[in-house]
N, C-alpha and C. Protein backbone atom coordinates (compact mmCIF):
# COMPACT_ATOMS: atom_id res chain seq x y z
N MET A 1 3.25 -1.32 -10.51
CA MET A 1 2.50 -2.13 -9.60
C MET A 1 1.15 -1.47 -9.34
N TRP A 2 0.11 -2.29 -9.22
CA TRP A 2 -1.23 -1.81 -8.88
C TRP A 2 -1.51 -2.14 -7.42
N ALA A 3 -2.32 -1.31 -6.76
CA ALA A 3 -2.64 -1.58 -5.36
C ALA A 3 -3.96 -0.94 -4.96
N CYS A 4 -4.65 -1.61 -4.05
CA CYS A 4 -5.84 -1.08 -3.38
C CYS A 4 -5.40 -0.71 -1.97
N ILE A 5 -5.47 0.57 -1.62
CA ILE A 5 -5.01 1.03 -0.31
C ILE A 5 -5.99 0.55 0.76
N THR A 6 -5.48 -0.25 1.68
CA THR A 6 -6.32 -0.83 2.73
C THR A 6 -6.15 -0.16 4.08
N GLN A 7 -5.03 0.54 4.29
CA GLN A 7 -4.82 1.26 5.54
C GLN A 7 -3.91 2.45 5.28
N PHE A 8 -4.42 3.63 5.58
CA PHE A 8 -3.64 4.85 5.46
C PHE A 8 -4.20 5.79 6.51
N ASP A 9 -3.64 5.73 7.71
CA ASP A 9 -4.20 6.44 8.85
C ASP A 9 -3.10 6.83 9.83
N ALA A 10 -3.50 7.23 11.04
CA ALA A 10 -2.53 7.65 12.05
C ALA A 10 -1.56 6.51 12.41
N ALA A 11 -2.00 5.27 12.31
CA ALA A 11 -1.13 4.14 12.65
C ALA A 11 0.00 3.95 11.62
N THR A 12 -0.27 4.26 10.35
CA THR A 12 0.76 4.12 9.32
C THR A 12 1.56 5.40 9.14
N GLY A 13 0.97 6.53 9.48
CA GLY A 13 1.64 7.82 9.31
C GLY A 13 1.32 8.44 7.96
N ALA A 14 1.81 9.65 7.75
CA ALA A 14 1.49 10.41 6.54
C ALA A 14 2.31 9.98 5.33
N ASP A 15 3.34 9.15 5.55
CA ASP A 15 4.21 8.78 4.44
C ASP A 15 4.23 7.28 4.14
N THR A 16 3.32 6.52 4.75
CA THR A 16 3.30 5.06 4.58
C THR A 16 1.87 4.57 4.52
N PHE A 17 1.61 3.59 3.65
CA PHE A 17 0.30 2.95 3.63
C PHE A 17 0.45 1.46 3.38
N ARG A 18 -0.59 0.73 3.79
CA ARG A 18 -0.67 -0.71 3.55
C ARG A 18 -1.67 -0.92 2.43
N ALA A 19 -1.40 -1.88 1.54
CA ALA A 19 -2.28 -2.11 0.40
C ALA A 19 -2.21 -3.55 -0.06
N ASP A 20 -3.26 -3.99 -0.73
CA ASP A 20 -3.26 -5.27 -1.44
C ASP A 20 -2.72 -4.97 -2.83
N ALA A 21 -1.60 -5.59 -3.18
CA ALA A 21 -0.88 -5.22 -4.40
C ALA A 21 -0.75 -6.38 -5.37
N ALA A 22 -0.59 -6.02 -6.66
CA ALA A 22 -0.44 -7.02 -7.72
C ALA A 22 0.22 -6.34 -8.93
N PRO A 23 0.77 -7.13 -9.84
CA PRO A 23 1.39 -6.54 -11.03
C PRO A 23 0.37 -6.03 -12.05
N LYS A 24 -0.92 -6.30 -11.84
CA LYS A 24 -1.96 -5.81 -12.74
C LYS A 24 -3.20 -5.46 -11.91
N ARG A 25 -4.13 -4.74 -12.49
CA ARG A 25 -5.38 -4.40 -11.80
C ARG A 25 -6.16 -5.69 -11.58
N LEU A 26 -6.67 -5.87 -10.37
CA LEU A 26 -7.41 -7.07 -10.02
C LEU A 26 -8.91 -6.78 -9.93
N ARG A 27 -9.70 -7.77 -10.25
CA ARG A 27 -11.15 -7.64 -10.08
C ARG A 27 -11.50 -7.74 -8.60
N TYR A 28 -10.83 -8.66 -7.89
CA TYR A 28 -11.04 -8.86 -6.46
C TYR A 28 -9.73 -8.58 -5.74
N TRP A 29 -9.65 -7.44 -5.08
CA TRP A 29 -8.39 -7.01 -4.49
C TRP A 29 -7.89 -7.91 -3.37
N PHE A 30 -8.79 -8.67 -2.72
CA PHE A 30 -8.32 -9.58 -1.66
C PHE A 30 -7.38 -10.64 -2.22
N GLU A 31 -7.32 -10.79 -3.54
CA GLU A 31 -6.38 -11.72 -4.16
C GLU A 31 -4.97 -11.14 -4.25
N GLY A 32 -4.82 -9.85 -3.96
CA GLY A 32 -3.50 -9.21 -3.99
C GLY A 32 -2.68 -9.57 -2.77
N ASP A 33 -1.44 -9.13 -2.76
CA ASP A 33 -0.53 -9.39 -1.65
C ASP A 33 -0.48 -8.20 -0.71
N ASN A 34 -0.72 -8.46 0.57
CA ASN A 34 -0.61 -7.43 1.59
C ASN A 34 0.82 -6.89 1.54
N SER A 35 0.96 -5.58 1.31
CA SER A 35 2.28 -4.97 1.14
C SER A 35 2.30 -3.60 1.80
N LEU A 36 3.51 -3.11 2.09
CA LEU A 36 3.70 -1.80 2.69
C LEU A 36 4.41 -0.90 1.69
N PHE A 37 3.93 0.35 1.57
CA PHE A 37 4.49 1.32 0.63
C PHE A 37 4.90 2.58 1.38
N VAL A 38 6.09 3.08 1.06
CA VAL A 38 6.63 4.27 1.72
C VAL A 38 6.94 5.32 0.66
N GLY A 39 6.50 6.55 0.90
CA GLY A 39 6.80 7.67 0.02
C GLY A 39 6.95 8.92 0.87
N SER A 40 6.95 10.07 0.24
CA SER A 40 6.98 11.31 1.01
C SER A 40 5.54 11.70 1.36
N ALA A 41 5.37 12.40 2.47
CA ALA A 41 4.04 12.84 2.87
C ALA A 41 3.42 13.73 1.78
N THR A 42 4.21 14.56 1.14
CA THR A 42 3.72 15.43 0.07
C THR A 42 3.25 14.61 -1.12
N GLN A 43 4.01 13.60 -1.49
CA GLN A 43 3.69 12.74 -2.62
C GLN A 43 2.38 11.98 -2.40
N LEU A 44 2.09 11.61 -1.15
CA LEU A 44 0.94 10.77 -0.83
C LEU A 44 -0.24 11.53 -0.24
N GLU A 45 -0.15 12.84 -0.09
CA GLU A 45 -1.16 13.60 0.65
C GLU A 45 -2.57 13.53 0.07
N ASP A 46 -2.72 13.26 -1.22
CA ASP A 46 -4.05 13.22 -1.83
C ASP A 46 -4.66 11.82 -1.87
N PHE A 47 -3.98 10.83 -1.30
CA PHE A 47 -4.46 9.45 -1.34
C PHE A 47 -5.11 9.08 -0.01
N VAL A 48 -6.14 8.22 -0.10
CA VAL A 48 -6.87 7.76 1.09
C VAL A 48 -7.16 6.27 0.96
N GLU A 49 -7.59 5.69 2.06
CA GLU A 49 -8.01 4.28 2.06
C GLU A 49 -9.08 4.07 0.99
N ASP A 50 -9.03 2.94 0.31
CA ASP A 50 -9.94 2.53 -0.76
C ASP A 50 -9.62 3.13 -2.12
N ASP A 51 -8.54 3.91 -2.23
CA ASP A 51 -8.08 4.35 -3.55
C ASP A 51 -7.34 3.21 -4.23
N VAL A 52 -7.49 3.11 -5.54
CA VAL A 52 -6.64 2.23 -6.34
C VAL A 52 -5.52 3.09 -6.90
N ALA A 53 -4.29 2.61 -6.77
CA ALA A 53 -3.14 3.35 -7.25
C ALA A 53 -2.31 2.48 -8.18
N VAL A 54 -1.73 3.11 -9.18
CA VAL A 54 -0.74 2.44 -10.02
C VAL A 54 0.58 3.17 -9.74
N MET A 55 1.64 2.38 -9.53
CA MET A 55 2.89 2.97 -9.06
C MET A 55 4.11 2.38 -9.75
N ASN A 56 5.14 3.19 -9.81
CA ASN A 56 6.49 2.70 -10.07
C ASN A 56 7.13 2.63 -8.69
N VAL A 57 7.70 1.49 -8.35
CA VAL A 57 8.23 1.28 -7.01
C VAL A 57 9.62 0.66 -7.06
N THR A 58 10.31 0.75 -5.93
CA THR A 58 11.59 0.09 -5.72
C THR A 58 11.44 -0.81 -4.50
N SER A 59 11.87 -2.04 -4.61
CA SER A 59 11.77 -2.98 -3.48
C SER A 59 12.71 -2.57 -2.35
N LEU A 60 12.19 -2.62 -1.13
CA LEU A 60 12.98 -2.35 0.07
C LEU A 60 13.15 -3.61 0.91
N GLY A 61 12.77 -4.76 0.35
CA GLY A 61 12.88 -6.02 1.09
C GLY A 61 11.58 -6.33 1.81
N SER A 62 11.69 -6.77 3.04
CA SER A 62 10.50 -7.13 3.81
C SER A 62 10.40 -6.30 5.08
N TYR A 63 9.21 -6.31 5.67
CA TYR A 63 8.94 -5.55 6.88
C TYR A 63 8.12 -6.42 7.82
N ASP A 64 8.50 -6.49 9.08
CA ASP A 64 7.79 -7.25 10.11
C ASP A 64 7.03 -6.28 11.00
N TYR A 65 5.76 -6.61 11.30
CA TYR A 65 5.01 -5.78 12.24
C TYR A 65 4.02 -6.63 13.02
N GLU A 66 3.54 -6.06 14.13
CA GLU A 66 2.58 -6.74 14.99
C GLU A 66 1.18 -6.33 14.56
N THR A 67 0.28 -7.31 14.41
CA THR A 67 -1.10 -7.03 14.03
C THR A 67 -1.88 -6.54 15.24
N THR A 68 -3.07 -6.02 15.01
CA THR A 68 -3.91 -5.55 16.11
C THR A 68 -4.36 -6.70 17.01
N LEU A 69 -4.32 -7.92 16.49
CA LEU A 69 -4.70 -9.09 17.29
C LEU A 69 -3.50 -9.67 18.05
N GLY A 70 -2.33 -9.03 17.92
CA GLY A 70 -1.16 -9.46 18.67
C GLY A 70 -0.25 -10.44 17.94
N GLY A 71 -0.57 -10.79 16.71
CA GLY A 71 0.29 -11.68 15.94
C GLY A 71 1.36 -10.89 15.20
N ASN A 72 2.28 -11.59 14.60
CA ASN A 72 3.32 -10.94 13.79
C ASN A 72 3.13 -11.33 12.33
N ILE A 73 3.47 -10.40 11.44
CA ILE A 73 3.33 -10.65 10.01
C ILE A 73 4.53 -10.02 9.29
N THR A 74 4.95 -10.65 8.23
CA THR A 74 6.01 -10.13 7.38
C THR A 74 5.43 -9.85 6.00
N VAL A 75 5.66 -8.65 5.49
CA VAL A 75 5.13 -8.25 4.19
C VAL A 75 6.24 -7.64 3.34
N PRO A 76 6.07 -7.65 2.01
CA PRO A 76 7.02 -6.93 1.17
C PRO A 76 6.86 -5.43 1.38
N MET A 77 7.98 -4.71 1.27
CA MET A 77 7.96 -3.25 1.45
C MET A 77 8.57 -2.59 0.22
N PHE A 78 7.93 -1.50 -0.22
CA PHE A 78 8.35 -0.81 -1.43
C PHE A 78 8.46 0.69 -1.20
N SER A 79 9.37 1.31 -1.89
CA SER A 79 9.48 2.76 -1.95
C SER A 79 8.70 3.22 -3.18
N VAL A 80 7.84 4.21 -3.01
CA VAL A 80 7.03 4.73 -4.11
C VAL A 80 7.84 5.77 -4.87
N ASP A 81 8.14 5.47 -6.13
CA ASP A 81 8.86 6.41 -6.98
C ASP A 81 7.89 7.35 -7.71
N ARG A 82 6.77 6.80 -8.15
CA ARG A 82 5.74 7.58 -8.85
C ARG A 82 4.40 6.91 -8.55
N ILE A 83 3.35 7.72 -8.36
CA ILE A 83 2.04 7.16 -8.01
C ILE A 83 0.92 7.97 -8.68
N THR A 84 -0.11 7.26 -9.14
CA THR A 84 -1.27 7.87 -9.78
C THR A 84 -2.54 7.16 -9.31
N ARG A 85 -3.59 7.91 -8.98
CA ARG A 85 -4.86 7.32 -8.58
C ARG A 85 -5.59 6.81 -9.82
N ARG A 86 -6.20 5.60 -9.67
CA ARG A 86 -6.94 5.00 -10.79
C ARG A 86 -8.30 4.50 -10.33
N GLY A 87 -8.97 5.28 -9.49
CA GLY A 87 -10.32 4.93 -9.07
C GLY A 87 -10.39 4.42 -7.66
N SER A 88 -11.45 3.65 -7.41
CA SER A 88 -11.75 3.14 -6.07
C SER A 88 -11.69 1.62 -6.05
N CYS A 89 -11.38 1.06 -4.89
CA CYS A 89 -11.31 -0.40 -4.74
C CYS A 89 -12.69 -1.04 -4.82
N ALA A 90 -13.71 -0.30 -4.44
CA ALA A 90 -15.06 -0.84 -4.41
C ALA A 90 -15.65 -1.06 -5.78
């Protein structure tokens, strides 16, 4: 799976990030699916917001969370088995 990391901060923690994801690299990442990825803090320590990552993942089902505007959203959630940086989202 390919992803553009859109949030990786104190709100997500050191072992979780939110990203726009797709089965292939996208020209426009906003066309990807908002998804949540969970790994170990050590595995993800070199990644930051705006990195493009290619990953082997395992589906964990869905995850519900409250947005900063007070709404609720459900997104797919994945466990990161292997991850590699492939540039920047910009």
